[in-house]
Amino acid sequence: MSNNIFVFIFFDFIGQLLILGIGYETRNYISEAVLGLMTSLFSLFLLIYFFGLYRKENIKQLNQNKIHWRSVIVGMAAVIILKFVFGIVTILILGEKKAILDLEAQSNSIFNFKSAVDFILIMFQVGILSPVFEELFYRGIIFNKLRSKFNLLISIIVSSIVFGLVHVYPALIIWSFLIGITLCLFYVKTKNIIATMFLHSAVNLLPFILMLISGLQKLLN
């Protein structure tokens, strides 16, 4: 399985380069939002095919228990509290100005949309496709592989470090590491990868919801 992970990463990297190459050649016709959607779909379908995640036995293995929505709601509340505490700690450590600048840099890199269509596409990519892919890969594949060889604590820490490092900005790396730990614990408790996807999706969609609320308030005012 470990060899398969590296082979998957290699083919995914090559595929991403090809798509980005096509995007560069057609940059006058294809927006960054469409390009991002294409790369996300490619990675997701490659992952599902490569590891046979479409097979019934693998689906059952990743979803041993039924979804309990109460657990998802409790998980969402815990994440919101964690985000609030993390924001305060970030401001205390970096200072308010540096923390705001770092947050703006993250937002500009993720929420770079030029139209309503771009907004919807990016929201779908970040809020739906990314959580599905990341839960299948980081919790479903990497965490479970580590869990088969190491104890629970090591498996959670290592998989969360990997999850954090794939993100770019320092504050986002730390936040992703913390979220990785939270999602691992949630997956261990629920034994349902789909429930973990819902929680991850809620985390990613929260900024979009806040942006929509802010936009509506501006229109009403």
C-alpha atoms as a PDB file:
ATOM      1  CA  MET A   1       0.000   0.000   0.000  1.00  0.00           C
ATOM      2  CA  SER A   2       2.837   2.430   0.840  1.00  0.00           C
ATOM      3  CA  ASN A   3       4.346   1.914  -2.622  1.00  0.00           C
ATOM      4  CA  ASN A   4       0.906   2.489  -4.113  1.00  0.00           C
ATOM      5  CA  ILE A   5       0.667   5.825  -2.288  1.00  0.00           C
ATOM      6  CA  PHE A   6       3.898   7.082  -3.856  1.00  0.00           C
ATOM      7  CA  VAL A   7       2.903   5.781  -7.288  1.00  0.00           C
ATOM      8  CA  PHE A   8      -0.446   7.560  -6.956  1.00  0.00           C
ATOM      9  CA  ILE A   9       1.284  10.808  -5.945  1.00  0.00           C
ATOM     10  CA  PHE A  10       3.578  10.507  -8.979  1.00  0.00           C
ATOM     11  CA  PHE A  11       0.735   9.989 -11.470  1.00  0.00           C
ATOM     12  CA  ASP A  12      -1.351  12.679  -9.801  1.00  0.00           C
ATOM     13  CA  PHE A  13       1.587  15.102 -10.058  1.00  0.00           C
ATOM     14  CA  ILE A  14       2.065  14.320 -13.759  1.00  0.00           C
ATOM     15  CA  GLY A  15      -1.663  14.726 -14.396  1.00  0.00           C
ATOM     16  CA  GLN A  16      -1.737  18.037 -12.539  1.00  0.00           C
ATOM     17  CA  LEU A  17       1.185  19.313 -14.641  1.00  0.00           C
ATOM     18  CA  LEU A  18      -0.588  18.338 -17.856  1.00  0.00           C
ATOM     19  CA  ILE A  19      -3.801  20.067 -16.798  1.00  0.00           C
ATOM     20  CA  LEU A  20      -1.888  23.176 -15.726  1.00  0.00           C
ATOM     21  CA  GLY A  21      -0.097  23.128 -19.078  1.00  0.00           C
ATOM     22  CA  ILE A  22      -3.429  23.012 -20.889  1.00  0.00           C
ATOM     23  CA  GLY A  23      -4.662  25.789 -18.621  1.00  0.00           C
ATOM     24  CA  TYR A  24      -1.676  27.966 -19.486  1.00  0.00           C
ATOM     25  CA  GLU A  25      -2.184  27.492 -23.213  1.00  0.00           C
ATOM     26  CA  THR A  26      -5.899  28.285 -22.901  1.00  0.00           C
ATOM     27  CA  ARG A  27      -5.590  30.948 -20.164  1.00  0.00           C
ATOM     28  CA  ASN A  28      -7.550  33.436 -22.267  1.00  0.00           C
ATOM     29  CA  TYR A  29     -10.529  31.065 -22.385  1.00  0.00           C
ATOM     30  CA  ILE A  30     -10.423  29.027 -19.164  1.00  0.00           C
ATOM     31  CA  SER A  31     -10.618  30.769 -15.785  1.00  0.00           C
ATOM     32  CA  GLU A  32      -8.561  29.750 -12.752  1.00  0.00           C
ATOM     33  CA  ALA A  33     -11.759  28.495 -11.117  1.00  0.00           C
ATOM     34  CA  VAL A  34     -12.440  26.084 -13.998  1.00  0.00           C
ATOM     35  CA  LEU A  35      -8.810  24.963 -13.982  1.00  0.00           C
ATOM     36  CA  GLY A  36      -8.952  24.327 -10.242  1.00  0.00           C
ATOM     37  CA  LEU A  37     -12.137  22.316 -10.692  1.00  0.00           C
ATOM     38  CA  MET A  38     -10.478  20.216 -13.408  1.00  0.00           C
ATOM     39  CA  THR A  39      -7.443  19.410 -11.249  1.00  0.00           C
ATOM     40  CA  SER A  40      -9.642  18.504  -8.262  1.00  0.00           C
ATOM     41  CA  LEU A  41     -11.837  16.197 -10.339  1.00  0.00           C
ATOM     42  CA  PHE A  42      -8.786  14.540 -11.889  1.00  0.00           C
ATOM     43  CA  SER A  43      -7.200  13.868  -8.478  1.00  0.00           C
ATOM     44  CA  LEU A  44     -10.456  12.556  -7.004  1.00  0.00           C
ATOM     45  CA  PHE A  45     -11.259  10.154  -9.849  1.00  0.00           C
ATOM     46  CA  LEU A  46      -7.641   8.956 -10.014  1.00  0.00           C
ATOM     47  CA  LEU A  47      -7.689   8.288  -6.262  1.00  0.00           C
ATOM     48  CA  ILE A  48     -10.974   6.371  -6.391  1.00  0.00           C
ATOM     49  CA  TYR A  49      -9.825   4.268  -9.365  1.00  0.00           C
ATOM     50  CA  PHE A  50      -6.237   3.731  -8.200  1.00  0.00           C
ATOM     51  CA  PHE A  51      -7.145   2.428  -4.741  1.00  0.00           C
ATOM     52  CA  GLY A  52     -10.379   0.724  -5.797  1.00  0.00           C
ATOM     53  CA  LEU A  53     -12.472   2.909  -3.514  1.00  0.00           C
ATOM     54  CA  TYR A  54     -15.516   2.237  -5.688  1.00  0.00           C
ATOM     55  CA  ARG A  55     -15.588  -1.409  -4.558  1.00  0.00           C
ATOM     56  CA  LYS A  56     -18.267  -2.357  -2.023  1.00  0.00           C
ATOM     57  CA  GLU A  57     -15.844  -3.983   0.410  1.00  0.00           C
ATOM     58  CA  ASN A  58     -13.687  -0.857   0.534  1.00  0.00           C
ATOM     59  CA  ILE A  59     -16.721   1.390   0.960  1.00  0.00           C
ATOM     60  CA  LYS A  60     -17.900  -0.759   3.879  1.00  0.00           C
ATOM     61  CA  GLN A  61     -14.418  -0.744   5.402  1.00  0.00           C
ATOM     62  CA  LEU A  62     -14.376   3.052   5.421  1.00  0.00           C
ATOM     63  CA  ASN A  63     -17.965   3.303   6.681  1.00  0.00           C
ATOM     64  CA  GLN A  64     -18.338   0.673   9.398  1.00  0.00           C
ATOM     65  CA  ASN A  65     -21.001   2.623  11.303  1.00  0.00           C
ATOM     66  CA  LYS A  66     -24.006   4.650  10.197  1.00  0.00           C
ATOM     67  CA  ILE A  67     -23.863   8.436  10.183  1.00  0.00           C
ATOM     68  CA  HIS A  68     -25.022  10.026  13.433  1.00  0.00           C
ATOM     69  CA  TRP A  69     -25.855  13.636  12.627  1.00  0.00           C
ATOM     70  CA  ARG A  70     -25.652  14.635  16.261  1.00  0.00           C
ATOM     71  CA  SER A  71     -21.957  13.732  16.184  1.00  0.00           C
ATOM     72  CA  VAL A  72     -21.478  15.847  13.053  1.00  0.00           C
ATOM     73  CA  ILE A  73     -23.159  18.853  14.715  1.00  0.00           C
ATOM     74  CA  VAL A  74     -21.064  18.422  17.873  1.00  0.00           C
ATOM     75  CA  GLY A  75     -17.971  18.149  15.682  1.00  0.00           C
ATOM     76  CA  MET A  76     -18.879  21.368  13.863  1.00  0.00           C
ATOM     77  CA  ALA A  77     -19.323  23.180  17.181  1.00  0.00           C
ATOM     78  CA  ALA A  78     -15.937  21.899  18.352  1.00  0.00           C
ATOM     79  CA  VAL A  79     -14.261  23.094  15.141  1.00  0.00           C
ATOM     80  CA  ILE A  80     -15.837  26.562  15.424  1.00  0.00           C
ATOM     81  CA  ILE A  81     -14.551  26.856  19.000  1.00  0.00           C
ATOM     82  CA  LEU A  82     -11.121  25.630  17.867  1.00  0.00           C
ATOM     83  CA  LYS A  83     -11.094  28.188  15.048  1.00  0.00           C
ATOM     84  CA  PHE A  84     -12.023  30.982  17.476  1.00  0.00           C
ATOM     85  CA  VAL A  85      -9.278  30.001  19.935  1.00  0.00           C
ATOM     86  CA  PHE A  86      -6.745  29.590  17.117  1.00  0.00           C
ATOM     87  CA  GLY A  87      -7.609  33.058  15.805  1.00  0.00           C
ATOM     88  CA  ILE A  88      -7.029  34.626  19.222  1.00  0.00           C
ATOM     89  CA  VAL A  89      -3.719  32.775  19.693  1.00  0.00           C
ATOM     90  CA  THR A  90      -2.586  33.803  16.188  1.00  0.00           C
ATOM     91  CA  ILE A  91      -3.298  37.461  16.941  1.00  0.00           C
ATOM     92  CA  LEU A  92      -1.487  37.226  20.295  1.00  0.00           C
ATOM     93  CA  ILE A  93       1.582  35.641  18.695  1.00  0.00           C
ATOM     94  CA  LEU A  94       1.790  37.494  15.370  1.00  0.00           C
ATOM     95  CA  GLY A  95       0.086  40.710  16.345  1.00  0.00           C
ATOM     96  CA  GLU A  96      -3.195  41.910  14.885  1.00  0.00           C
ATOM     97  CA  LYS A  97      -1.721  43.539  11.763  1.00  0.00           C
ATOM     98  CA  LYS A  98       0.469  40.553  10.781  1.00  0.00           C
ATOM     99  CA  ALA A  99      -2.370  38.103  11.458  1.00  0.00           C
ATOM    100  CA  ILE A 100      -4.763  40.092   9.244  1.00  0.00           C
ATOM    101  CA  LEU A 101      -2.196  40.330   6.424  1.00  0.00           C
ATOM    102  CA  ASP A 102      -1.558  36.579   6.596  1.00  0.00           C
ATOM    103  CA  LEU A 103      -5.290  35.875   6.536  1.00  0.00           C
ATOM    104  CA  GLU A 104      -5.752  38.181   3.546  1.00  0.00           C
ATOM    105  CA  ALA A 105      -2.956  36.404   1.666  1.00  0.00           C
ATOM    106  CA  GLN A 106      -4.622  33.044   2.303  1.00  0.00           C
ATOM    107  CA  SER A 107      -8.023  34.385   1.256  1.00  0.00           C
ATOM    108  CA  ASN A 108      -6.676  35.950  -1.938  1.00  0.00           C
ATOM    109  CA  SER A 109      -5.034  32.684  -2.959  1.00  0.00           C
ATOM    110  CA  ILE A 110      -8.176  30.622  -2.338  1.00  0.00           C
ATOM    111  CA  PHE A 111     -11.038  32.999  -3.039  1.00  0.00           C
ATOM    112  CA  ASN A 112      -9.694  34.524  -6.256  1.00  0.00           C
ATOM    113  CA  PHE A 113     -12.913  34.753  -8.253  1.00  0.00           C
ATOM    114  CA  LYS A 114     -13.929  37.275 -10.887  1.00  0.00           C
ATOM    115  CA  SER A 115     -17.602  36.394 -11.338  1.00  0.00           C
ATOM    116  CA  ALA A 116     -20.540  34.675  -9.669  1.00  0.00           C
ATOM    117  CA  VAL A 117     -19.790  31.542 -11.722  1.00  0.00           C
ATOM    118  CA  ASP A 118     -16.212  31.515 -10.429  1.00  0.00           C
ATOM    119  CA  PHE A 119     -17.518  31.900  -6.872  1.00  0.00           C
ATOM    120  CA  ILE A 120     -19.824  28.890  -7.287  1.00  0.00           C
ATOM    121  CA  LEU A 121     -17.099  26.769  -8.910  1.00  0.00           C
ATOM    122  CA  ILE A 122     -14.538  27.604  -6.218  1.00  0.00           C
ATOM    123  CA  MET A 123     -17.111  26.988  -3.484  1.00  0.00           C
ATOM    124  CA  PHE A 124     -17.881  23.577  -5.030  1.00  0.00           C
ATOM    125  CA  GLN A 125     -14.191  22.758  -5.327  1.00  0.00           C
ATOM    126  CA  VAL A 126     -13.174  23.903  -1.836  1.00  0.00           C
ATOM    127  CA  GLY A 127     -16.400  22.947  -0.065  1.00  0.00           C
ATOM    128  CA  ILE A 128     -17.204  19.606  -1.703  1.00  0.00           C
ATOM    129  CA  LEU A 129     -14.464  18.103  -3.881  1.00  0.00           C
ATOM    130  CA  SER A 130     -11.508  18.914  -1.624  1.00  0.00           C
ATOM    131  CA  PRO A 131     -13.091  17.453   1.544  1.00  0.00           C
ATOM    132  CA  VAL A 132     -14.064  14.259  -0.300  1.00  0.00           C
ATOM    133  CA  PHE A 133     -10.572  13.823  -1.770  1.00  0.00           C
ATOM    134  CA  GLU A 134      -8.709  14.781   1.395  1.00  0.00           C
ATOM    135  CA  GLU A 135     -10.750  12.521   3.658  1.00  0.00           C
ATOM    136  CA  LEU A 136     -10.362   9.550   1.324  1.00  0.00           C
ATOM    137  CA  PHE A 137      -6.622  10.121   0.934  1.00  0.00           C
ATOM    138  CA  TYR A 138      -5.423  11.441   4.299  1.00  0.00           C
ATOM    139  CA  ARG A 139      -7.801   9.619   6.629  1.00  0.00           C
ATOM    140  CA  GLY A 140      -9.015   6.745   4.447  1.00  0.00           C
ATOM    141  CA  ILE A 141      -5.645   5.766   2.953  1.00  0.00           C
ATOM    142  CA  ILE A 142      -2.732   7.331   4.861  1.00  0.00           C
ATOM    143  CA  PHE A 143      -4.173   7.256   8.395  1.00  0.00           C
ATOM    144  CA  ASN A 144      -5.517   3.712   8.030  1.00  0.00           C
ATOM    145  CA  LYS A 145      -2.185   2.537   6.594  1.00  0.00           C
ATOM    146  CA  LEU A 146      -0.310   4.057   9.527  1.00  0.00           C
ATOM    147  CA  ARG A 147      -2.896   2.647  11.955  1.00  0.00           C
ATOM    148  CA  SER A 148      -2.163  -0.866  10.691  1.00  0.00           C
ATOM    149  CA  LYS A 149       1.516  -0.472  11.664  1.00  0.00           C
ATOM    150  CA  PHE A 150       1.667   2.030  14.530  1.00  0.00           C
ATOM    151  CA  ASN A 151      -0.373   3.026  17.561  1.00  0.00           C
ATOM    152  CA  LEU A 152      -3.252   5.490  17.386  1.00  0.00           C
ATOM    153  CA  LEU A 153      -1.311   8.544  18.606  1.00  0.00           C
ATOM    154  CA  ILE A 154       1.538   8.168  16.102  1.00  0.00           C
ATOM    155  CA  SER A 155      -0.927   7.526  13.273  1.00  0.00           C
ATOM    156  CA  ILE A 156      -2.911  10.671  14.091  1.00  0.00           C
ATOM    157  CA  ILE A 157       0.166  12.895  14.498  1.00  0.00           C
ATOM    158  CA  VAL A 158       1.990  11.719  11.361  1.00  0.00           C
ATOM    159  CA  SER A 159      -1.059  11.815   9.074  1.00  0.00           C
ATOM    160  CA  SER A 160      -1.975  15.266  10.430  1.00  0.00           C
ATOM    161  CA  ILE A 161       1.572  16.561   9.852  1.00  0.00           C
ATOM    162  CA  VAL A 162       1.401  15.365   6.246  1.00  0.00           C
ATOM    163  CA  PHE A 163      -2.029  16.964   5.886  1.00  0.00           C
ATOM    164  CA  GLY A 164      -0.735  20.234   7.319  1.00  0.00           C
ATOM    165  CA  LEU A 165       2.415  20.379   5.194  1.00  0.00           C
ATOM    166  CA  VAL A 166       0.534  20.233   1.889  1.00  0.00           C
ATOM    167  CA  HIS A 167      -0.888  23.668   2.701  1.00  0.00           C
ATOM    168  CA  VAL A 168       1.167  26.745   1.880  1.00  0.00           C
ATOM    169  CA  TYR A 169       0.985  29.516   4.454  1.00  0.00           C
ATOM    170  CA  PRO A 170       2.550  29.018   7.925  1.00  0.00           C
ATOM    171  CA  ALA A 171      -0.624  29.805   9.872  1.00  0.00           C
ATOM    172  CA  LEU A 172      -2.633  27.617   7.491  1.00  0.00           C
ATOM    173  CA  ILE A 173      -0.167  24.734   7.968  1.00  0.00           C
ATOM    174  CA  ILE A 174      -0.640  24.892  11.740  1.00  0.00           C
ATOM    175  CA  TRP A 175      -4.421  25.227  11.415  1.00  0.00           C
ATOM    176  CA  SER A 176      -4.572  22.309   8.956  1.00  0.00           C
ATOM    177  CA  PHE A 177      -2.483  20.210  11.342  1.00  0.00           C
ATOM    178  CA  LEU A 178      -4.966  20.909  14.153  1.00  0.00           C
ATOM    179  CA  ILE A 179      -7.918  20.215  11.871  1.00  0.00           C
ATOM    180  CA  GLY A 180      -6.190  17.022  10.735  1.00  0.00           C
ATOM    181  CA  ILE A 181      -6.012  15.839  14.345  1.00  0.00           C
ATOM    182  CA  THR A 182      -9.668  16.773  14.881  1.00  0.00           C
ATOM    183  CA  LEU A 183     -10.796  14.925  11.747  1.00  0.00           C
ATOM    184  CA  CYS A 184      -8.745  11.847  12.659  1.00  0.00           C
ATOM    185  CA  LEU A 185     -10.326  11.726  16.108  1.00  0.00           C
ATOM    186  CA  PHE A 186     -13.756  12.234  14.571  1.00  0.00           C
ATOM    187  CA  TYR A 187     -13.139   9.423  12.068  1.00  0.00           C
ATOM    188  CA  VAL A 188     -11.941   7.088  14.828  1.00  0.00           C
ATOM    189  CA  LYS A 189     -15.047   7.865  16.886  1.00  0.00           C
ATOM    190  CA  THR A 190     -17.619   7.635  14.092  1.00  0.00           C
ATOM    191  CA  LYS A 191     -15.915   4.956  11.958  1.00  0.00           C
ATOM    192  CA  ASN A 192     -17.587   6.644   9.000  1.00  0.00           C
ATOM    193  CA  ILE A 193     -15.565   8.477   6.352  1.00  0.00           C
ATOM    194  CA  ILE A 194     -18.693  10.090   4.883  1.00  0.00           C
ATOM    195  CA  ALA A 195     -19.519  11.695   8.240  1.00  0.00           C
ATOM    196  CA  THR A 196     -15.942  13.001   8.363  1.00  0.00           C
ATOM    197  CA  MET A 197     -16.405  14.404   4.852  1.00  0.00           C
ATOM    198  CA  PHE A 198     -19.502  16.285   6.020  1.00  0.00           C
ATOM    199  CA  LEU A 199     -17.579  17.787   8.936  1.00  0.00           C
ATOM    200  CA  HIS A 200     -14.635  18.734   6.704  1.00  0.00           C
ATOM    201  CA  SER A 201     -17.027  20.224   4.143  1.00  0.00           C
ATOM    202  CA  ALA A 202     -18.707  22.330   6.834  1.00  0.00           C
ATOM    203  CA  VAL A 203     -15.296  23.661   7.909  1.00  0.00           C
ATOM    204  CA  ASN A 204     -14.393  24.632   4.334  1.00  0.00           C
ATOM    205  CA  LEU A 205     -17.803  26.119   3.506  1.00  0.00           C
ATOM    206  CA  LEU A 206     -17.939  28.344   6.583  1.00  0.00           C
ATOM    207  CA  PRO A 207     -15.866  31.184   5.007  1.00  0.00           C
ATOM    208  CA  PHE A 208     -18.121  31.152   1.928  1.00  0.00           C
ATOM    209  CA  ILE A 209     -21.237  31.345   4.098  1.00  0.00           C
ATOM    210  CA  LEU A 210     -19.764  34.278   6.026  1.00  0.00           C
ATOM    211  CA  MET A 211     -18.888  36.001   2.736  1.00  0.00           C
ATOM    212  CA  LEU A 212     -22.443  35.524   1.461  1.00  0.00           C
ATOM    213  CA  ILE A 213     -23.896  36.915   4.690  1.00  0.00           C
ATOM    214  CA  SER A 214     -21.525  39.882   4.506  1.00  0.00           C
ATOM    215  CA  GLY A 215     -22.496  40.491   0.875  1.00  0.00           C
ATOM    216  CA  LEU A 216     -26.212  40.364   1.674  1.00  0.00           C
ATOM    217  CA  GLN A 217     -25.750  42.813   4.538  1.00  0.00           C
ATOM    218  CA  LYS A 218     -23.996  45.248   2.208  1.00  0.00           C
ATOM    219  CA  LEU A 219     -26.828  44.954  -0.329  1.00  0.00           C
ATOM    220  CA  LEU A 220     -29.463  45.553   2.345  1.00  0.00           C
ATOM    221  CA  ASN A 221     -27.596  48.566   3.675  1.00  0.00           C
END
